[in-house]
């Protein structure tokens, strides 16, 4: 599992449409927003898929840039063992 946090800069006038696009992506979730700025988390199976998903977000009309600010990667075994400890 690969989790990433992104800073997404966008045109304020396009923000409602961008939010709608992000909401349709089951692997993306908007965490915070201000005019022209979004913090988005994404889930992926691996780093390659995460990169493709960042690129998909960058291609949404009105997005100026999407920058990864943090990420965490773990194997399924690590994830399951952490879950069992809880």
PDB file of N, CA and C in Angstrom:
ATOM      1  N   UNK A   1       0.842  -1.167   0.000  1.00  0.00           N
ATOM      2  CA  UNK A   1       0.000   0.000   0.000  1.00  0.00           C
ATOM      3  C   UNK A   1       0.892   1.236   0.000  1.00  0.00           C
ATOM      4  N   UNK A   2       0.494   2.205  -0.773  1.00  0.00           N
ATOM      5  CA  UNK A   2       1.239   3.452  -0.889  1.00  0.00           C
ATOM      6  C   UNK A   2       0.256   4.602  -0.651  1.00  0.00           C
ATOM      7  N   UNK A   3       0.534   5.434   0.345  1.00  0.00           N
ATOM      8  CA  UNK A   3      -0.292   6.598   0.645  1.00  0.00           C
ATOM      9  C   UNK A   3       0.520   7.848   0.382  1.00  0.00           C
ATOM     10  N   UNK A   4      -0.081   8.830  -0.284  1.00  0.00           N
ATOM     11  CA  UNK A   4       0.599  10.091  -0.577  1.00  0.00           C
ATOM     12  C   UNK A   4      -0.309  11.262  -0.237  1.00  0.00           C
ATOM     13  N   UNK A   5       0.317  12.340   0.229  1.00  0.00           N
ATOM     14  CA  UNK A   5      -0.386  13.609   0.438  1.00  0.00           C
ATOM     15  C   UNK A   5       0.112  14.576  -0.625  1.00  0.00           C
ATOM     16  N   UNK A   6      -0.824  15.267  -1.263  1.00  0.00           N
ATOM     17  CA  UNK A   6      -0.493  16.185  -2.344  1.00  0.00           C
ATOM     18  C   UNK A   6      -0.964  17.598  -2.021  1.00  0.00           C
ATOM     19  N   UNK A   7      -0.172  18.580  -2.441  1.00  0.00           N
ATOM     20  CA  UNK A   7      -0.625  19.965  -2.489  1.00  0.00           C
ATOM     21  C   UNK A   7      -1.024  20.212  -3.934  1.00  0.00           C
ATOM     22  N   UNK A   8      -2.263  20.606  -4.148  1.00  0.00           N
ATOM     23  CA  UNK A   8      -2.768  20.853  -5.493  1.00  0.00           C
ATOM     24  C   UNK A   8      -3.092  22.342  -5.618  1.00  0.00           C
ATOM     25  N   UNK A   9      -2.383  23.013  -6.508  1.00  0.00           N
ATOM     26  CA  UNK A   9      -2.659  24.422  -6.806  1.00  0.00           C
ATOM     27  C   UNK A   9      -3.582  24.460  -8.015  1.00  0.00           C
ATOM     28  N   UNK A  10      -4.607  25.303  -7.940  1.00  0.00           N
ATOM     29  CA  UNK A  10      -5.572  25.340  -9.038  1.00  0.00           C
ATOM     30  C   UNK A  10      -6.120  26.749  -9.234  1.00  0.00           C
ATOM     31  N   UNK A  11      -6.733  26.949 -10.376  1.00  0.00           N
ATOM     32  CA  UNK A  11      -7.412  28.199 -10.645  1.00  0.00           C
ATOM     33  C   UNK A  11      -8.672  28.231  -9.777  1.00  0.00           C
ATOM     34  N   UNK A  12      -8.850  29.277  -8.956  1.00  0.00           N
ATOM     35  CA  UNK A  12     -10.016  29.324  -8.070  1.00  0.00           C
ATOM     36  C   UNK A  12     -11.343  29.150  -8.809  1.00  0.00           C
ATOM     37  N   UNK A  13     -11.448  29.667 -10.012  1.00  0.00           N
ATOM     38  CA  UNK A  13     -12.708  29.542 -10.755  1.00  0.00           C
ATOM     39  C   UNK A  13     -12.993  28.098 -11.173  1.00  0.00           C
ATOM     40  N   UNK A  14     -11.955  27.284 -11.274  1.00  0.00           N
ATOM     41  CA  UNK A  14     -12.120  25.881 -11.678  1.00  0.00           C
ATOM     42  C   UNK A  14     -12.244  24.941 -10.480  1.00  0.00           C
ATOM     43  N   UNK A  15     -12.095  25.458  -9.275  1.00  0.00           N
ATOM     44  CA  UNK A  15     -12.050  24.604  -8.092  1.00  0.00           C
ATOM     45  C   UNK A  15     -13.293  23.730  -7.909  1.00  0.00           C
ATOM     46  N   UNK A  16     -14.506  24.240  -8.123  1.00  0.00           N
ATOM     47  CA  UNK A  16     -15.675  23.347  -7.966  1.00  0.00           C
ATOM     48  C   UNK A  16     -15.634  22.147  -8.918  1.00  0.00           C
ATOM     49  N   UNK A  17     -15.216  22.370 -10.165  1.00  0.00           N
ATOM     50  CA  UNK A  17     -15.131  21.278 -11.126  1.00  0.00           C
ATOM     51  C   UNK A  17     -14.016  20.310 -10.745  1.00  0.00           C
ATOM     52  N   UNK A  18     -12.896  20.842 -10.247  1.00  0.00           N
ATOM     53  CA  UNK A  18     -11.782  19.996  -9.818  1.00  0.00           C
ATOM     54  C   UNK A  18     -12.209  19.132  -8.638  1.00  0.00           C
ATOM     55  N   UNK A  19     -12.903  19.725  -7.679  1.00  0.00           N
ATOM     56  CA  UNK A  19     -13.405  18.958  -6.529  1.00  0.00           C
ATOM     57  C   UNK A  19     -14.328  17.835  -6.991  1.00  0.00           C
ATOM     58  N   UNK A  20     -15.185  18.126  -7.957  1.00  0.00           N
ATOM     59  CA  UNK A  20     -16.100  17.107  -8.476  1.00  0.00           C
ATOM     60  C   UNK A  20     -15.307  15.963  -9.123  1.00  0.00           C
ATOM     61  N   UNK A  21     -14.277  16.304  -9.881  1.00  0.00           N
ATOM     62  CA  UNK A  21     -13.439  15.274 -10.508  1.00  0.00           C
ATOM     63  C   UNK A  21     -12.743  14.421  -9.452  1.00  0.00           C
ATOM     64  N   UNK A  22     -12.181  15.073  -8.438  1.00  0.00           N
ATOM     65  CA  UNK A  22     -11.487  14.335  -7.376  1.00  0.00           C
ATOM     66  C   UNK A  22     -12.457  13.447  -6.595  1.00  0.00           C
ATOM     67  N   UNK A  23     -13.655  13.951  -6.351  1.00  0.00           N
ATOM     68  CA  UNK A  23     -14.650  13.157  -5.628  1.00  0.00           C
ATOM     69  C   UNK A  23     -15.036  11.890  -6.386  1.00  0.00           C
ATOM     70  N   UNK A  24     -14.902  11.907  -7.712  1.00  0.00           N
ATOM     71  CA  UNK A  24     -15.259  10.729  -8.510  1.00  0.00           C
ATOM     72  C   UNK A  24     -14.142   9.680  -8.516  1.00  0.00           C
ATOM     73  N   UNK A  25     -12.973  10.039  -7.996  1.00  0.00           N
ATOM     74  CA  UNK A  25     -11.835   9.116  -7.945  1.00  0.00           C
ATOM     75  C   UNK A  25     -11.862   8.391  -6.594  1.00  0.00           C
ATOM     76  N   UNK A  26     -12.146   7.095  -6.607  1.00  0.00           N
ATOM     77  CA  UNK A  26     -12.293   6.345  -5.354  1.00  0.00           C
ATOM     78  C   UNK A  26     -11.015   6.317  -4.533  1.00  0.00           C
ATOM     79  N   UNK A  27      -9.888   6.556  -5.140  1.00  0.00           N
ATOM     80  CA  UNK A  27      -8.584   6.484  -4.486  1.00  0.00           C
ATOM     81  C   UNK A  27      -8.081   7.839  -3.999  1.00  0.00           C
ATOM     82  N   UNK A  28      -8.864   8.902  -4.187  1.00  0.00           N
ATOM     83  CA  UNK A  28      -8.456  10.257  -3.786  1.00  0.00           C
ATOM     84  C   UNK A  28      -9.457  10.831  -2.786  1.00  0.00           C
ATOM     85  N   UNK A  29      -8.934  11.620  -1.842  1.00  0.00           N
ATOM     86  CA  UNK A  29      -9.810  12.263  -0.861  1.00  0.00           C
ATOM     87  C   UNK A  29      -9.265  13.660  -0.545  1.00  0.00           C
ATOM     88  N   UNK A  30     -10.144  14.644  -0.640  1.00  0.00           N
ATOM     89  CA  UNK A  30      -9.776  16.019  -0.301  1.00  0.00           C
ATOM     90  C   UNK A  30      -9.778  16.150   1.212  1.00  0.00           C
ATOM     91  N   UNK A  31      -8.662  16.619   1.775  1.00  0.00           N
ATOM     92  CA  UNK A  31      -8.540  16.771   3.226  1.00  0.00           C
ATOM     93  C   UNK A  31      -8.784  18.217   3.677  1.00  0.00           C
ATOM     94  N   UNK A  32      -8.247  19.173   2.922  1.00  0.00           N
ATOM     95  CA  UNK A  32      -8.383  20.593   3.236  1.00  0.00           C
ATOM     96  C   UNK A  32      -8.504  21.379   1.947  1.00  0.00           C
ATOM     97  N   UNK A  33      -9.129  22.542   2.028  1.00  0.00           N
ATOM     98  CA  UNK A  33      -9.203  23.390   0.848  1.00  0.00           C
ATOM     99  C   UNK A  33      -9.307  24.860   1.218  1.00  0.00           C
ATOM    100  N   UNK A  34      -8.704  25.669   0.384  1.00  0.00           N
ATOM    101  CA  UNK A  34      -8.820  27.123   0.409  1.00  0.00           C
ATOM    102  C   UNK A  34      -8.941  27.547  -1.036  1.00  0.00           C
ATOM    103  N   UNK A  35      -9.182  28.794  -1.272  1.00  0.00           N
ATOM    104  CA  UNK A  35      -9.306  29.276  -2.634  1.00  0.00           C
ATOM    105  C   UNK A  35      -8.007  29.027  -3.404  1.00  0.00           C
ATOM    106  N   UNK A  36      -8.095  28.198  -4.431  1.00  0.00           N
ATOM    107  CA  UNK A  36      -6.946  27.901  -5.277  1.00  0.00           C
ATOM    108  C   UNK A  36      -5.975  26.883  -4.710  1.00  0.00           C
ATOM    109  N   UNK A  37      -6.328  26.250  -3.576  1.00  0.00           N
ATOM    110  CA  UNK A  37      -5.419  25.302  -2.933  1.00  0.00           C
ATOM    111  C   UNK A  37      -6.207  24.118  -2.376  1.00  0.00           C
ATOM    112  N   UNK A  38      -5.667  22.920  -2.578  1.00  0.00           N
ATOM    113  CA  UNK A  38      -6.263  21.710  -2.018  1.00  0.00           C
ATOM    114  C   UNK A  38      -5.166  20.830  -1.442  1.00  0.00           C
ATOM    115  N   UNK A  39      -5.469  20.154  -0.351  1.00  0.00           N
ATOM    116  CA  UNK A  39      -4.627  19.075   0.155  1.00  0.00           C
ATOM    117  C   UNK A  39      -5.406  17.790  -0.094  1.00  0.00           C
ATOM    118  N   UNK A  40      -4.796  16.882  -0.830  1.00  0.00           N
ATOM    119  CA  UNK A  40      -5.461  15.657  -1.266  1.00  0.00           C
ATOM    120  C   UNK A  40      -4.609  14.458  -0.857  1.00  0.00           C
ATOM    121  N   UNK A  41      -5.241  13.416  -0.349  1.00  0.00           N
ATOM    122  CA  UNK A  41      -4.538  12.159  -0.110  1.00  0.00           C
ATOM    123  C   UNK A  41      -4.964  11.162  -1.179  1.00  0.00           C
ATOM    124  N   UNK A  42      -3.992  10.341  -1.593  1.00  0.00           N
ATOM    125  CA  UNK A  42      -4.292   9.298  -2.574  1.00  0.00           C
ATOM    126  C   UNK A  42      -3.752   7.965  -2.078  1.00  0.00           C
ATOM    127  N   UNK A  43      -4.412   6.895  -2.495  1.00  0.00           N
ATOM    128  CA  UNK A  43      -3.978   5.534  -2.196  1.00  0.00           C
ATOM    129  C   UNK A  43      -3.613   4.845  -3.500  1.00  0.00           C
ATOM    130  N   UNK A  44      -2.575   4.020  -3.437  1.00  0.00           N
ATOM    131  CA  UNK A  44      -2.148   3.250  -4.603  1.00  0.00           C
ATOM    132  C   UNK A  44      -1.531   1.942  -4.135  1.00  0.00           C
ATOM    133  N   UNK A  45      -1.429   1.000  -5.055  1.00  0.00           N
ATOM    134  CA  UNK A  45      -0.813  -0.287  -4.735  1.00  0.00           C
ATOM    135  C   UNK A  45       0.704  -0.191  -4.644  1.00  0.00           C
ATOM    136  N   UNK A  46       1.291   0.749  -5.411  1.00  0.00           N
ATOM    137  CA  UNK A  46       2.747   0.889  -5.434  1.00  0.00           C
ATOM    138  C   UNK A  46       3.120   2.297  -5.894  1.00  0.00           C
ATOM    139  N   UNK A  47       4.413   2.571  -5.897  1.00  0.00           N
ATOM    140  CA  UNK A  47       4.896   3.907  -6.253  1.00  0.00           C
ATOM    141  C   UNK A  47       4.594   4.268  -7.711  1.00  0.00           C
ATOM    142  N   UNK A  48       4.692   3.308  -8.595  1.00  0.00           N
ATOM    143  CA  UNK A  48       4.406   3.557 -10.008  1.00  0.00           C
ATOM    144  C   UNK A  48       2.960   3.986 -10.206  1.00  0.00           C
ATOM    145  N   UNK A  49       2.047   3.254  -9.589  1.00  0.00           N
ATOM    146  CA  UNK A  49       0.635   3.599  -9.697  1.00  0.00           C
ATOM    147  C   UNK A  49       0.366   4.965  -9.061  1.00  0.00           C
ATOM    148  N   UNK A  50       1.032   5.260  -7.948  1.00  0.00           N
ATOM    149  CA  UNK A  50       0.871   6.565  -7.307  1.00  0.00           C
ATOM    150  C   UNK A  50       1.299   7.678  -8.261  1.00  0.00           C
ATOM    151  N   UNK A  51       2.409   7.476  -8.959  1.00  0.00           N
ATOM    152  CA  UNK A  51       2.870   8.467  -9.921  1.00  0.00           C
ATOM    153  C   UNK A  51       1.871   8.704 -11.035  1.00  0.00           C
ATOM    154  N   UNK A  52       1.258   7.625 -11.519  1.00  0.00           N
ATOM    155  CA  UNK A  52       0.233   7.759 -12.557  1.00  0.00           C
ATOM    156  C   UNK A  52      -0.980   8.526 -12.032  1.00  0.00           C
ATOM    157  N   UNK A  53      -1.319   8.296 -10.779  1.00  0.00           N
ATOM    158  CA  UNK A  53      -2.481   8.978 -10.203  1.00  0.00           C
ATOM    159  C   UNK A  53      -2.209  10.464  -9.989  1.00  0.00           C
ATOM    160  N   UNK A  54      -1.000  10.804  -9.597  1.00  0.00           N
ATOM    161  CA  UNK A  54      -0.628  12.221  -9.490  1.00  0.00           C
ATOM    162  C   UNK A  54      -0.729  12.870 -10.864  1.00  0.00           C
ATOM    163  N   UNK A  55      -0.243  12.184 -11.871  1.00  0.00           N
ATOM    164  CA  UNK A  55      -0.311  12.713 -13.236  1.00  0.00           C
ATOM    165  C   UNK A  55      -1.765  12.896 -13.676  1.00  0.00           C
ATOM    166  N   UNK A  56      -2.622  11.960 -13.318  1.00  0.00           N
ATOM    167  CA  UNK A  56      -4.045  12.067 -13.668  1.00  0.00           C
ATOM    168  C   UNK A  56      -4.655  13.318 -13.028  1.00  0.00           C
ATOM    169  N   UNK A  57      -4.280  13.605 -11.788  1.00  0.00           N
ATOM    170  CA  UNK A  57      -4.775  14.803 -11.118  1.00  0.00           C
ATOM    171  C   UNK A  57      -4.238  16.056 -11.812  1.00  0.00           C
ATOM    172  N   UNK A  58      -2.960  16.039 -12.188  1.00  0.00           N
ATOM    173  CA  UNK A  58      -2.363  17.193 -12.874  1.00  0.00           C
ATOM    174  C   UNK A  58      -3.056  17.496 -14.200  1.00  0.00           C
ATOM    175  N   UNK A  59      -3.655  16.483 -14.820  1.00  0.00           N
ATOM    176  CA  UNK A  59      -4.300  16.651 -16.118  1.00  0.00           C
ATOM    177  C   UNK A  59      -5.734  17.151 -16.021  1.00  0.00           C
ATOM    178  N   UNK A  60      -6.270  17.302 -14.817  1.00  0.00           N
ATOM    179  CA  UNK A  60      -7.621  17.848 -14.660  1.00  0.00           C
ATOM    180  C   UNK A  60      -7.575  19.326 -15.068  1.00  0.00           C
ATOM    181  N   UNK A  61      -8.522  19.745 -15.863  1.00  0.00           N
ATOM    182  CA  UNK A  61      -8.582  21.132 -16.300  1.00  0.00           C
ATOM    183  C   UNK A  61      -8.635  22.089 -15.121  1.00  0.00           C
ATOM    184  N   UNK A  62      -7.792  23.118 -15.142  1.00  0.00           N
ATOM    185  CA  UNK A  62      -7.761  24.105 -14.069  1.00  0.00           C
ATOM    186  C   UNK A  62      -6.725  23.834 -13.005  1.00  0.00           C
ATOM    187  N   UNK A  63      -6.150  22.616 -12.997  1.00  0.00           N
ATOM    188  CA  UNK A  63      -5.075  22.313 -12.046  1.00  0.00           C
ATOM    189  C   UNK A  63      -3.791  22.933 -12.574  1.00  0.00           C
ATOM    190  N   UNK A  64      -3.132  23.714 -11.737  1.00  0.00           N
ATOM    191  CA  UNK A  64      -1.867  24.343 -12.109  1.00  0.00           C
ATOM    192  C   UNK A  64      -0.713  23.384 -11.836  1.00  0.00           C
ATOM    193  N   UNK A  65      -0.744  22.737 -10.671  1.00  0.00           N
ATOM    194  CA  UNK A  65       0.306  21.787 -10.293  1.00  0.00           C
ATOM    195  C   UNK A  65      -0.195  20.897  -9.170  1.00  0.00           C
ATOM    196  N   UNK A  66       0.362  19.680  -9.106  1.00  0.00           N
ATOM    197  CA  UNK A  66       0.110  18.747  -7.999  1.00  0.00           C
ATOM    198  C   UNK A  66       1.472  18.262  -7.520  1.00  0.00           C
ATOM    199  N   UNK A  67       1.776  18.529  -6.261  1.00  0.00           N
ATOM    200  CA  UNK A  67       3.092  18.206  -5.717  1.00  0.00           C
ATOM    201  C   UNK A  67       2.952  17.252  -4.533  1.00  0.00           C
ATOM    202  N   UNK A  68       3.678  16.149  -4.554  1.00  0.00           N
ATOM    203  CA  UNK A  68       3.682  15.220  -3.427  1.00  0.00           C
ATOM    204  C   UNK A  68       4.415  15.892  -2.263  1.00  0.00           C
ATOM    205  N   UNK A  69       3.776  15.951  -1.106  1.00  0.00           N
ATOM    206  CA  UNK A  69       4.396  16.560   0.072  1.00  0.00           C
ATOM    207  C   UNK A  69       4.803  15.525   1.111  1.00  0.00           C
ATOM    208  N   UNK A  70       4.175  14.353   1.077  1.00  0.00           N
ATOM    209  CA  UNK A  70       4.511  13.277   2.017  1.00  0.00           C
ATOM    210  C   UNK A  70       4.008  11.963   1.446  1.00  0.00           C
ATOM    211  N   UNK A  71       4.668  10.866   1.831  1.00  0.00           N
ATOM    212  CA  UNK A  71       4.190   9.559   1.405  1.00  0.00           C
ATOM    213  C   UNK A  71       4.607   8.499   2.413  1.00  0.00           C
ATOM    214  N   UNK A  72       3.879   7.405   2.374  1.00  0.00           N
ATOM    215  CA  UNK A  72       4.195   6.242   3.207  1.00  0.00           C
ATOM    216  C   UNK A  72       3.933   5.014   2.356  1.00  0.00           C
ATOM    217  N   UNK A  73       4.844   4.070   2.439  1.00  0.00           N
ATOM    218  CA  UNK A  73       4.695   2.837   1.681  1.00  0.00           C
ATOM    219  C   UNK A  73       4.925   1.654   2.613  1.00  0.00           C
ATOM    220  N   UNK A  74       4.085   0.642   2.482  1.00  0.00           N
ATOM    221  CA  UNK A  74       4.270  -0.576   3.269  1.00  0.00           C
ATOM    222  C   UNK A  74       3.774  -1.760   2.468  1.00  0.00           C
ATOM    223  N   UNK A  75       4.282  -2.930   2.803  1.00  0.00           N
ATOM    224  CA  UNK A  75       3.812  -4.150   2.159  1.00  0.00           C
ATOM    225  C   UNK A  75       2.495  -4.557   2.794  1.00  0.00           C
ATOM    226  N   UNK A  76       1.770  -5.426   2.144  1.00  0.00           N
ATOM    227  CA  UNK A  76       0.517  -5.928   2.711  1.00  0.00           C
ATOM    228  C   UNK A  76       0.761  -6.607   4.048  1.00  0.00           C
ATOM    229  N   UNK A  77       1.881  -7.326   4.179  1.00  0.00           N
ATOM    230  CA  UNK A  77       2.184  -8.014   5.429  1.00  0.00           C
ATOM    231  C   UNK A  77       2.409  -7.008   6.559  1.00  0.00           C
ATOM    232  N   UNK A  78       3.158  -5.937   6.269  1.00  0.00           N
ATOM    233  CA  UNK A  78       3.385  -4.901   7.285  1.00  0.00           C
ATOM    234  C   UNK A  78       2.069  -4.252   7.696  1.00  0.00           C
ATOM    235  N   UNK A  79       1.224  -3.962   6.697  1.00  0.00           N
ATOM    236  CA  UNK A  79      -0.062  -3.321   6.970  1.00  0.00           C
ATOM    237  C   UNK A  79      -0.935  -4.217   7.843  1.00  0.00           C
ATOM    238  N   UNK A  80      -1.000  -5.496   7.507  1.00  0.00           N
ATOM    239  CA  UNK A  80      -1.834  -6.422   8.270  1.00  0.00           C
ATOM    240  C   UNK A  80      -1.307  -6.608   9.692  1.00  0.00           C
ATOM    241  N   UNK A  81       0.014  -6.668   9.873  1.00  0.00           N
ATOM    242  CA  UNK A  81       0.553  -6.848  11.208  1.00  0.00           C
ATOM    243  C   UNK A  81       0.297  -5.602  12.067  1.00  0.00           C
ATOM    244  N   UNK A  82       0.368  -4.410  11.468  1.00  0.00           N
ATOM    245  CA  UNK A  82       0.061  -3.179  12.210  1.00  0.00           C
ATOM    246  C   UNK A  82      -1.399  -3.141  12.600  1.00  0.00           C
ATOM    247  N   UNK A  83      -2.254  -3.580  11.697  1.00  0.00           N
ATOM    248  CA  UNK A  83      -3.689  -3.618  11.957  1.00  0.00           C
ATOM    249  C   UNK A  83      -4.003  -4.578  13.101  1.00  0.00           C
ATOM    250  N   UNK A  84      -3.332  -5.723  13.148  1.00  0.00           N
ATOM    251  CA  UNK A  84      -3.563  -6.707  14.194  1.00  0.00           C
ATOM    252  C   UNK A  84      -3.141  -6.169  15.561  1.00  0.00           C
ATOM    253  N   UNK A  85      -2.107  -5.324  15.597  1.00  0.00           N
ATOM    254  CA  UNK A  85      -1.636  -4.757  16.862  1.00  0.00           C
ATOM    255  C   UNK A  85      -2.653  -3.793  17.468  1.00  0.00           C
ATOM    256  N   UNK A  86      -3.471  -3.206  16.636  1.00  0.00           N
ATOM    257  CA  UNK A  86      -4.471  -2.260  17.134  1.00  0.00           C
ATOM    258  C   UNK A  86      -5.565  -3.035  17.815  1.00  0.00           C
TER     259      UNK A  86
END
